[in-house]
């Protein structure tokens, strides 16, 4: 909570500096609240979950591709061994 308060104070001071610079009161459209940070936290967690799902799917695809490749290589070598044995 302490870091959130520091961020809120820093953003408020920046907003106040903008007010002083432009000489008029800017509309406060961005209201920093606990709900704002909670919403950001939920969105970040959802994005991380989606990335984990993509990562696990890619890992399964890689493992499947590797297994098919190994079977293909072993099958080819076995076939060549049989083929050469028949020729000799």
PDB file of N, CA and C in Angstrom:
ATOM      1  N   UNK A   1       0.815  -1.182   0.000  1.00  0.00           N
ATOM      2  CA  UNK A   1       0.000   0.000   0.000  1.00  0.00           C
ATOM      3  C   UNK A   1       0.870   1.262   0.000  1.00  0.00           C
ATOM      4  N   UNK A   2       2.027   1.179   0.602  1.00  0.00           N
ATOM      5  CA  UNK A   2       2.890   2.347   0.719  1.00  0.00           C
ATOM      6  C   UNK A   2       3.369   2.812  -0.649  1.00  0.00           C
ATOM      7  N   UNK A   3       3.734   1.871  -1.511  1.00  0.00           N
ATOM      8  CA  UNK A   3       4.206   2.243  -2.844  1.00  0.00           C
ATOM      9  C   UNK A   3       3.075   2.863  -3.657  1.00  0.00           C
ATOM     10  N   UNK A   4       1.861   2.384  -3.449  1.00  0.00           N
ATOM     11  CA  UNK A   4       0.718   2.978  -4.148  1.00  0.00           C
ATOM     12  C   UNK A   4       0.510   4.419  -3.710  1.00  0.00           C
ATOM     13  N   UNK A   5       0.670   4.674  -2.409  1.00  0.00           N
ATOM     14  CA  UNK A   5       0.525   6.041  -1.912  1.00  0.00           C
ATOM     15  C   UNK A   5       1.590   6.951  -2.509  1.00  0.00           C
ATOM     16  N   UNK A   6       2.815   6.436  -2.629  1.00  0.00           N
ATOM     17  CA  UNK A   6       3.888   7.234  -3.220  1.00  0.00           C
ATOM     18  C   UNK A   6       3.601   7.548  -4.680  1.00  0.00           C
ATOM     19  N   UNK A   7       3.103   6.564  -5.407  1.00  0.00           N
ATOM     20  CA  UNK A   7       2.755   6.789  -6.812  1.00  0.00           C
ATOM     21  C   UNK A   7       1.640   7.813  -6.912  1.00  0.00           C
ATOM     22  N   UNK A   8       0.639   7.688  -6.044  1.00  0.00           N
ATOM     23  CA  UNK A   8      -0.479   8.631  -6.056  1.00  0.00           C
ATOM     24  C   UNK A   8       0.007  10.042  -5.767  1.00  0.00           C
ATOM     25  N   UNK A   9       0.869  10.191  -4.761  1.00  0.00           N
ATOM     26  CA  UNK A   9       1.399  11.515  -4.428  1.00  0.00           C
ATOM     27  C   UNK A   9       2.235  12.075  -5.569  1.00  0.00           C
ATOM     28  N   UNK A  10       3.054  11.214  -6.190  1.00  0.00           N
ATOM     29  CA  UNK A  10       3.883  11.670  -7.307  1.00  0.00           C
ATOM     30  C   UNK A  10       3.043  12.113  -8.483  1.00  0.00           C
ATOM     31  N   UNK A  11       2.001  11.367  -8.785  1.00  0.00           N
ATOM     32  CA  UNK A  11       1.135  11.746  -9.900  1.00  0.00           C
ATOM     33  C   UNK A  11       0.353  13.013  -9.576  1.00  0.00           C
ATOM     34  N   UNK A  12      -0.069  13.155  -8.334  1.00  0.00           N
ATOM     35  CA  UNK A  12      -0.799  14.361  -7.943  1.00  0.00           C
ATOM     36  C   UNK A  12       0.108  15.582  -8.014  1.00  0.00           C
ATOM     37  N   UNK A  13       1.369  15.436  -7.597  1.00  0.00           N
ATOM     38  CA  UNK A  13       2.287  16.577  -7.674  1.00  0.00           C
ATOM     39  C   UNK A  13       2.567  16.946  -9.127  1.00  0.00           C
ATOM     40  N   UNK A  14       2.679  15.948 -10.002  1.00  0.00           N
ATOM     41  CA  UNK A  14       2.863  16.244 -11.425  1.00  0.00           C
ATOM     42  C   UNK A  14       1.644  16.964 -11.981  1.00  0.00           C
ATOM     43  N   UNK A  15       0.477  16.543 -11.555  1.00  0.00           N
ATOM     44  CA  UNK A  15      -0.756  17.189 -12.000  1.00  0.00           C
ATOM     45  C   UNK A  15      -0.807  18.635 -11.516  1.00  0.00           C
ATOM     46  N   UNK A  16      -0.389  18.855 -10.271  1.00  0.00           N
ATOM     47  CA  UNK A  16      -0.364  20.217  -9.731  1.00  0.00           C
ATOM     48  C   UNK A  16       0.626  21.094 -10.488  1.00  0.00           C
ATOM     49  N   UNK A  17       1.776  20.525 -10.857  1.00  0.00           N
ATOM     50  CA  UNK A  17       2.760  21.292 -11.633  1.00  0.00           C
ATOM     51  C   UNK A  17       2.198  21.678 -12.995  1.00  0.00           C
ATOM     52  N   UNK A  18       1.454  20.776 -13.616  1.00  0.00           N
ATOM     53  CA  UNK A  18       0.806  21.105 -14.886  1.00  0.00           C
ATOM     54  C   UNK A  18      -0.198  22.236 -14.708  1.00  0.00           C
ATOM     55  N   UNK A  19      -0.937  22.212 -13.603  1.00  0.00           N
ATOM     56  CA  UNK A  19      -1.893  23.288 -13.327  1.00  0.00           C
ATOM     57  C   UNK A  19      -1.182  24.625 -13.219  1.00  0.00           C
ATOM     58  N   UNK A  20      -0.063  24.637 -12.505  1.00  0.00           N
ATOM     59  CA  UNK A  20       0.693  25.882 -12.350  1.00  0.00           C
ATOM     60  C   UNK A  20       1.271  26.344 -13.680  1.00  0.00           C
ATOM     61  N   UNK A  21       1.759  25.402 -14.481  1.00  0.00           N
ATOM     62  CA  UNK A  21       2.387  25.747 -15.756  1.00  0.00           C
ATOM     63  C   UNK A  21       1.389  26.383 -16.711  1.00  0.00           C
ATOM     64  N   UNK A  22       0.220  25.818 -16.816  1.00  0.00           N
ATOM     65  CA  UNK A  22      -0.754  26.325 -17.776  1.00  0.00           C
ATOM     66  C   UNK A  22      -1.618  27.438 -17.204  1.00  0.00           C
ATOM     67  N   UNK A  23      -1.518  27.681 -15.917  1.00  0.00           N
ATOM     68  CA  UNK A  23      -2.218  28.804 -15.310  1.00  0.00           C
ATOM     69  C   UNK A  23      -3.724  28.636 -15.205  1.00  0.00           C
ATOM     70  N   UNK A  24      -4.221  27.494 -15.431  1.00  0.00           N
ATOM     71  CA  UNK A  24      -5.656  27.251 -15.279  1.00  0.00           C
ATOM     72  C   UNK A  24      -5.860  25.854 -14.714  1.00  0.00           C
ATOM     73  N   UNK A  25      -6.991  25.662 -14.177  1.00  0.00           N
ATOM     74  CA  UNK A  25      -7.279  24.373 -13.551  1.00  0.00           C
ATOM     75  C   UNK A  25      -7.608  23.349 -14.633  1.00  0.00           C
ATOM     76  N   UNK A  26      -6.788  22.318 -14.713  1.00  0.00           N
ATOM     77  CA  UNK A  26      -7.055  21.249 -15.670  1.00  0.00           C
ATOM     78  C   UNK A  26      -8.121  20.317 -15.097  1.00  0.00           C
ATOM     79  N   UNK A  27      -8.965  19.762 -15.954  1.00  0.00           N
ATOM     80  CA  UNK A  27      -9.974  18.827 -15.437  1.00  0.00           C
ATOM     81  C   UNK A  27      -9.303  17.555 -14.924  1.00  0.00           C
ATOM     82  N   UNK A  28      -9.722  17.148 -13.783  1.00  0.00           N
ATOM     83  CA  UNK A  28      -9.136  15.936 -13.190  1.00  0.00           C
ATOM     84  C   UNK A  28      -9.876  14.725 -13.732  1.00  0.00           C
ATOM     85  N   UNK A  29      -9.416  14.253 -14.879  1.00  0.00           N
ATOM     86  CA  UNK A  29     -10.048  13.093 -15.498  1.00  0.00           C
ATOM     87  C   UNK A  29      -9.512  11.789 -14.933  1.00  0.00           C
ATOM     88  N   UNK A  30      -8.265  11.837 -14.473  1.00  0.00           N
ATOM     89  CA  UNK A  30      -7.662  10.615 -13.959  1.00  0.00           C
ATOM     90  C   UNK A  30      -7.705  10.647 -12.445  1.00  0.00           C
ATOM     91  N   UNK A  31      -8.498   9.803 -11.890  1.00  0.00           N
ATOM     92  CA  UNK A  31      -8.617   9.750 -10.451  1.00  0.00           C
ATOM     93  C   UNK A  31      -7.936   8.480  -9.967  1.00  0.00           C
ATOM     94  N   UNK A  32      -6.894   8.653  -9.176  1.00  0.00           N
ATOM     95  CA  UNK A  32      -6.120   7.517  -8.694  1.00  0.00           C
ATOM     96  C   UNK A  32      -6.779   6.998  -7.420  1.00  0.00           C
ATOM     97  N   UNK A  33      -7.285   5.803  -7.486  1.00  0.00           N
ATOM     98  CA  UNK A  33      -7.945   5.199  -6.328  1.00  0.00           C
ATOM     99  C   UNK A  33      -7.479   3.760  -6.186  1.00  0.00           C
ATOM    100  N   UNK A  34      -7.898   3.146  -5.120  1.00  0.00           N
ATOM    101  CA  UNK A  34      -7.593   1.733  -4.906  1.00  0.00           C
ATOM    102  C   UNK A  34      -8.219   0.885  -6.006  1.00  0.00           C
ATOM    103  N   UNK A  35      -9.420   1.263  -6.423  1.00  0.00           N
ATOM    104  CA  UNK A  35     -10.102   0.497  -7.469  1.00  0.00           C
ATOM    105  C   UNK A  35      -9.321   0.545  -8.775  1.00  0.00           C
ATOM    106  N   UNK A  36      -8.705   1.693  -9.055  1.00  0.00           N
ATOM    107  CA  UNK A  36      -7.902   1.838 -10.269  1.00  0.00           C
ATOM    108  C   UNK A  36      -6.729   0.862 -10.240  1.00  0.00           C
ATOM    109  N   UNK A  37      -6.021   0.802  -9.114  1.00  0.00           N
ATOM    110  CA  UNK A  37      -4.882  -0.108  -9.001  1.00  0.00           C
ATOM    111  C   UNK A  37      -5.331  -1.568  -9.007  1.00  0.00           C
ATOM    112  N   UNK A  38      -6.465  -1.855  -8.377  1.00  0.00           N
ATOM    113  CA  UNK A  38      -6.980  -3.227  -8.384  1.00  0.00           C
ATOM    114  C   UNK A  38      -7.350  -3.670  -9.798  1.00  0.00           C
ATOM    115  N   UNK A  39      -7.945  -2.753 -10.566  1.00  0.00           N
ATOM    116  CA  UNK A  39      -8.293  -3.081 -11.954  1.00  0.00           C
ATOM    117  C   UNK A  39      -7.033  -3.345 -12.775  1.00  0.00           C
ATOM    118  N   UNK A  40      -6.003  -2.523 -12.564  1.00  0.00           N
ATOM    119  CA  UNK A  40      -4.737  -2.749 -13.268  1.00  0.00           C
ATOM    120  C   UNK A  40      -4.118  -4.086 -12.870  1.00  0.00           C
ATOM    121  N   UNK A  41      -4.209  -4.410 -11.588  1.00  0.00           N
ATOM    122  CA  UNK A  41      -3.657  -5.672 -11.099  1.00  0.00           C
ATOM    123  C   UNK A  41      -4.383  -6.862 -11.734  1.00  0.00           C
ATOM    124  N   UNK A  42      -5.712  -6.775 -11.823  1.00  0.00           N
ATOM    125  CA  UNK A  42      -6.483  -7.855 -12.450  1.00  0.00           C
ATOM    126  C   UNK A  42      -6.107  -8.016 -13.918  1.00  0.00           C
ATOM    127  N   UNK A  43      -5.959  -6.894 -14.620  1.00  0.00           N
ATOM    128  CA  UNK A  43      -5.610  -6.966 -16.039  1.00  0.00           C
ATOM    129  C   UNK A  43      -4.220  -7.564 -16.224  1.00  0.00           C
ATOM    130  N   UNK A  44      -3.285  -7.203 -15.342  1.00  0.00           N
ATOM    131  CA  UNK A  44      -1.933  -7.746 -15.426  1.00  0.00           C
ATOM    132  C   UNK A  44      -1.935  -9.252 -15.169  1.00  0.00           C
ATOM    133  N   UNK A  45      -2.692  -9.683 -14.160  1.00  0.00           N
ATOM    134  CA  UNK A  45      -2.768 -11.118 -13.865  1.00  0.00           C
ATOM    135  C   UNK A  45      -3.408 -11.885 -15.024  1.00  0.00           C
ATOM    136  N   UNK A  46      -4.444 -11.304 -15.633  1.00  0.00           N
ATOM    137  CA  UNK A  46      -5.093 -11.961 -16.772  1.00  0.00           C
ATOM    138  C   UNK A  46      -4.124 -12.079 -17.945  1.00  0.00           C
ATOM    139  N   UNK A  47      -3.342 -11.030 -18.178  1.00  0.00           N
ATOM    140  CA  UNK A  47      -2.359 -11.075 -19.268  1.00  0.00           C
ATOM    141  C   UNK A  47      -1.297 -12.135 -18.988  1.00  0.00           C
ATOM    142  N   UNK A  48      -0.851 -12.235 -17.744  1.00  0.00           N
ATOM    143  CA  UNK A  48       0.146 -13.251 -17.381  1.00  0.00           C
ATOM    144  C   UNK A  48      -0.424 -14.658 -17.559  1.00  0.00           C
ATOM    145  N   UNK A  49      -1.683 -14.851 -17.182  1.00  0.00           N
ATOM    146  CA  UNK A  49      -2.318 -16.165 -17.371  1.00  0.00           C
ATOM    147  C   UNK A  49      -2.398 -16.534 -18.848  1.00  0.00           C
ATOM    148  N   UNK A  50      -2.747 -15.555 -19.689  1.00  0.00           N
ATOM    149  CA  UNK A  50      -2.812 -15.835 -21.130  1.00  0.00           C
ATOM    150  C   UNK A  50      -1.436 -16.203 -21.664  1.00  0.00           C
ATOM    151  N   UNK A  51      -0.397 -15.506 -21.199  1.00  0.00           N
ATOM    152  CA  UNK A  51       0.961 -15.829 -21.644  1.00  0.00           C
ATOM    153  C   UNK A  51       1.379 -17.225 -21.194  1.00  0.00           C
ATOM    154  N   UNK A  52       0.996 -17.609 -19.979  1.00  0.00           N
ATOM    155  CA  UNK A  52       1.323 -18.957 -19.508  1.00  0.00           C
ATOM    156  C   UNK A  52       0.622 -20.014 -20.356  1.00  0.00           C
ATOM    157  N   UNK A  53      -0.632 -19.757 -20.728  1.00  0.00           N
ATOM    158  CA  UNK A  53      -1.355 -20.709 -21.583  1.00  0.00           C
ATOM    159  C   UNK A  53      -0.676 -20.851 -22.935  1.00  0.00           C
ATOM    160  N   UNK A  54      -0.281 -19.729 -23.519  1.00  0.00           N
ATOM    161  CA  UNK A  54       0.402 -19.773 -24.817  1.00  0.00           C
ATOM    162  C   UNK A  54       1.715 -20.521 -24.687  1.00  0.00           C
ATOM    163  N   UNK A  55       2.457 -20.250 -23.615  1.00  0.00           N
ATOM    164  CA  UNK A  55       3.745 -20.900 -23.403  1.00  0.00           C
ATOM    165  C   UNK A  55       3.576 -22.409 -23.264  1.00  0.00           C
ATOM    166  N   UNK A  56       2.583 -22.848 -22.492  1.00  0.00           N
ATOM    167  CA  UNK A  56       2.398 -24.294 -22.316  1.00  0.00           C
ATOM    168  C   UNK A  56       1.963 -24.950 -23.624  1.00  0.00           C
ATOM    169  N   UNK A  57       1.112 -24.276 -24.410  1.00  0.00           N
ATOM    170  CA  UNK A  57       0.711 -24.840 -25.701  1.00  0.00           C
ATOM    171  C   UNK A  57       1.906 -24.956 -26.635  1.00  0.00           C
ATOM    172  N   UNK A  58       2.778 -23.953 -26.620  1.00  0.00           N
ATOM    173  CA  UNK A  58       3.970 -24.018 -27.470  1.00  0.00           C
ATOM    174  C   UNK A  58       4.895 -25.144 -27.035  1.00  0.00           C
ATOM    175  N   UNK A  59       5.000 -25.357 -25.721  1.00  0.00           N
ATOM    176  CA  UNK A  59       5.837 -26.453 -25.233  1.00  0.00           C
ATOM    177  C   UNK A  59       5.280 -27.798 -25.679  1.00  0.00           C
ATOM    178  N   UNK A  60       3.961 -27.977 -25.587  1.00  0.00           N
ATOM    179  CA  UNK A  60       3.358 -29.236 -26.032  1.00  0.00           C
ATOM    180  C   UNK A  60       3.545 -29.440 -27.525  1.00  0.00           C
ATOM    181  N   UNK A  61       3.417 -28.382 -28.301  1.00  0.00           N
ATOM    182  CA  UNK A  61       3.623 -28.500 -29.747  1.00  0.00           C
ATOM    183  C   UNK A  61       5.064 -28.878 -30.058  1.00  0.00           C
ATOM    184  N   UNK A  62       6.014 -28.273 -29.332  1.00  0.00           N
ATOM    185  CA  UNK A  62       7.421 -28.595 -29.560  1.00  0.00           C
ATOM    186  C   UNK A  62       7.699 -30.053 -29.208  1.00  0.00           C
ATOM    187  N   UNK A  63       7.155 -30.519 -28.078  1.00  0.00           N
ATOM    188  CA  UNK A  63       7.368 -31.912 -27.671  1.00  0.00           C
ATOM    189  C   UNK A  63       6.761 -32.859 -28.699  1.00  0.00           C
ATOM    190  N   UNK A  64       5.558 -32.534 -29.183  1.00  0.00           N
ATOM    191  CA  UNK A  64       4.923 -33.385 -30.197  1.00  0.00           C
ATOM    192  C   UNK A  64       5.739 -33.391 -31.487  1.00  0.00           C
ATOM    193  N   UNK A  65       6.220 -32.232 -31.895  1.00  0.00           N
ATOM    194  CA  UNK A  65       7.034 -32.140 -33.113  1.00  0.00           C
ATOM    195  C   UNK A  65       8.318 -32.947 -32.955  1.00  0.00           C
ATOM    196  N   UNK A  66       8.947 -32.845 -31.784  1.00  0.00           N
ATOM    197  CA  UNK A  66      10.179 -33.585 -31.520  1.00  0.00           C
ATOM    198  C   UNK A  66       9.918 -35.093 -31.547  1.00  0.00           C
ATOM    199  N   UNK A  67       8.818 -35.529 -30.945  1.00  0.00           N
ATOM    200  CA  UNK A  67       8.493 -36.962 -30.940  1.00  0.00           C
ATOM    201  C   UNK A  67       8.251 -37.476 -32.355  1.00  0.00           C
ATOM    202  N   UNK A  68       7.521 -36.720 -33.153  1.00  0.00           N
ATOM    203  CA  UNK A  68       7.272 -37.135 -34.539  1.00  0.00           C
ATOM    204  C   UNK A  68       8.579 -37.193 -35.313  1.00  0.00           C
ATOM    205  N   UNK A  69       9.456 -36.227 -35.081  1.00  0.00           N
ATOM    206  CA  UNK A  69      10.751 -36.213 -35.775  1.00  0.00           C
ATOM    207  C   UNK A  69      11.593 -37.420 -35.397  1.00  0.00           C
ATOM    208  N   UNK A  70      11.633 -37.745 -34.113  1.00  0.00           N
ATOM    209  CA  UNK A  70      12.415 -38.898 -33.659  1.00  0.00           C
ATOM    210  C   UNK A  70      11.851 -40.185 -34.256  1.00  0.00           C
ATOM    211  N   UNK A  71      10.538 -40.324 -34.247  1.00  0.00           N
ATOM    212  CA  UNK A  71       9.924 -41.522 -34.830  1.00  0.00           C
ATOM    213  C   UNK A  71      10.233 -41.601 -36.319  1.00  0.00           C
ATOM    214  N   UNK A  72      10.181 -40.472 -37.008  1.00  0.00           N
ATOM    215  CA  UNK A  72      10.468 -40.469 -38.448  1.00  0.00           C
ATOM    216  C   UNK A  72      11.914 -40.863 -38.724  1.00  0.00           C
ATOM    217  N   UNK A  73      12.847 -40.333 -37.941  1.00  0.00           N
ATOM    218  CA  UNK A  73      14.264 -40.656 -38.146  1.00  0.00           C
ATOM    219  C   UNK A  73      14.518 -42.126 -37.840  1.00  0.00           C
ATOM    220  N   UNK A  74      13.999 -42.609 -36.721  1.00  0.00           N
ATOM    221  CA  UNK A  74      14.201 -44.014 -36.355  1.00  0.00           C
ATOM    222  C   UNK A  74      13.544 -44.924 -37.388  1.00  0.00           C
ATOM    223  N   UNK A  75      12.348 -44.573 -37.832  1.00  0.00           N
ATOM    224  CA  UNK A  75      11.674 -45.368 -38.858  1.00  0.00           C
ATOM    225  C   UNK A  75      12.450 -45.392 -40.155  1.00  0.00           C
ATOM    226  N   UNK A  76      12.997 -44.246 -40.542  1.00  0.00           N
ATOM    227  CA  UNK A  76      13.791 -44.185 -41.770  1.00  0.00           C
ATOM    228  C   UNK A  76      15.044 -45.038 -41.648  1.00  0.00           C
ATOM    229  N   UNK A  77      15.737 -44.939 -40.523  1.00  0.00           N
ATOM    230  CA  UNK A  77      16.947 -45.745 -40.328  1.00  0.00           C
ATOM    231  C   UNK A  77      16.615 -47.237 -40.313  1.00  0.00           C
ATOM    232  N   UNK A  78      15.516 -47.601 -39.663  1.00  0.00           N
ATOM    233  CA  UNK A  78      15.106 -49.000 -39.623  1.00  0.00           C
ATOM    234  C   UNK A  78      14.779 -49.499 -41.030  1.00  0.00           C
ATOM    235  N   UNK A  79      14.059 -48.679 -41.804  1.00  0.00           N
ATOM    236  CA  UNK A  79      13.710 -49.057 -43.174  1.00  0.00           C
ATOM    237  C   UNK A  79      14.963 -49.198 -44.026  1.00  0.00           C
ATOM    238  N   UNK A  80      15.916 -48.252 -43.878  1.00  0.00           N
ATOM    239  CA  UNK A  80      17.151 -48.335 -44.663  1.00  0.00           C
ATOM    240  C   UNK A  80      17.954 -49.581 -44.293  1.00  0.00           C
ATOM    241  N   UNK A  81      17.971 -49.910 -42.994  1.00  0.00           N
ATOM    242  CA  UNK A  81      18.696 -51.102 -42.556  1.00  0.00           C
ATOM    243  C   UNK A  81      18.079 -52.348 -43.195  1.00  0.00           C
ATOM    244  N   UNK A  82      16.747 -52.444 -43.197  1.00  0.00           N
ATOM    245  CA  UNK A  82      16.063 -53.584 -43.810  1.00  0.00           C
ATOM    246  C   UNK A  82      16.316 -53.608 -45.317  1.00  0.00           C
ATOM    247  N   UNK A  83      16.252 -52.432 -45.933  1.00  0.00           N
ATOM    248  CA  UNK A  83      16.425 -52.341 -47.376  1.00  0.00           C
ATOM    249  C   UNK A  83      17.837 -52.767 -47.783  1.00  0.00           C
ATOM    250  N   UNK A  84      18.842 -52.300 -47.035  1.00  0.00           N
ATOM    251  CA  UNK A  84      20.230 -52.673 -47.337  1.00  0.00           C
ATOM    252  C   UNK A  84      20.437 -54.165 -47.081  1.00  0.00           C
ATOM    253  N   UNK A  85      19.820 -54.701 -46.012  1.00  0.00           N
ATOM    254  CA  UNK A  85      19.943 -56.126 -45.711  1.00  0.00           C
ATOM    255  C   UNK A  85      19.353 -56.974 -46.842  1.00  0.00           C
ATOM    256  N   UNK A  86      18.237 -56.523 -47.402  1.00  0.00           N
ATOM    257  CA  UNK A  86      17.616 -57.260 -48.513  1.00  0.00           C
ATOM    258  C   UNK A  86      18.513 -57.212 -49.747  1.00  0.00           C
ATOM    259  N   UNK A  87      19.120 -56.064 -50.015  1.00  0.00           N
ATOM    260  CA  UNK A  87      19.987 -55.923 -51.185  1.00  0.00           C
ATOM    261  C   UNK A  87      21.236 -56.784 -51.075  1.00  0.00           C
ATOM    262  N   UNK A  88      21.755 -56.907 -49.869  1.00  0.00           N
ATOM    263  CA  UNK A  88      22.990 -57.674 -49.679  1.00  0.00           C
ATOM    264  C   UNK A  88      22.626 -59.111 -49.564  1.00  0.00           C
TER     265      UNK A  88
END
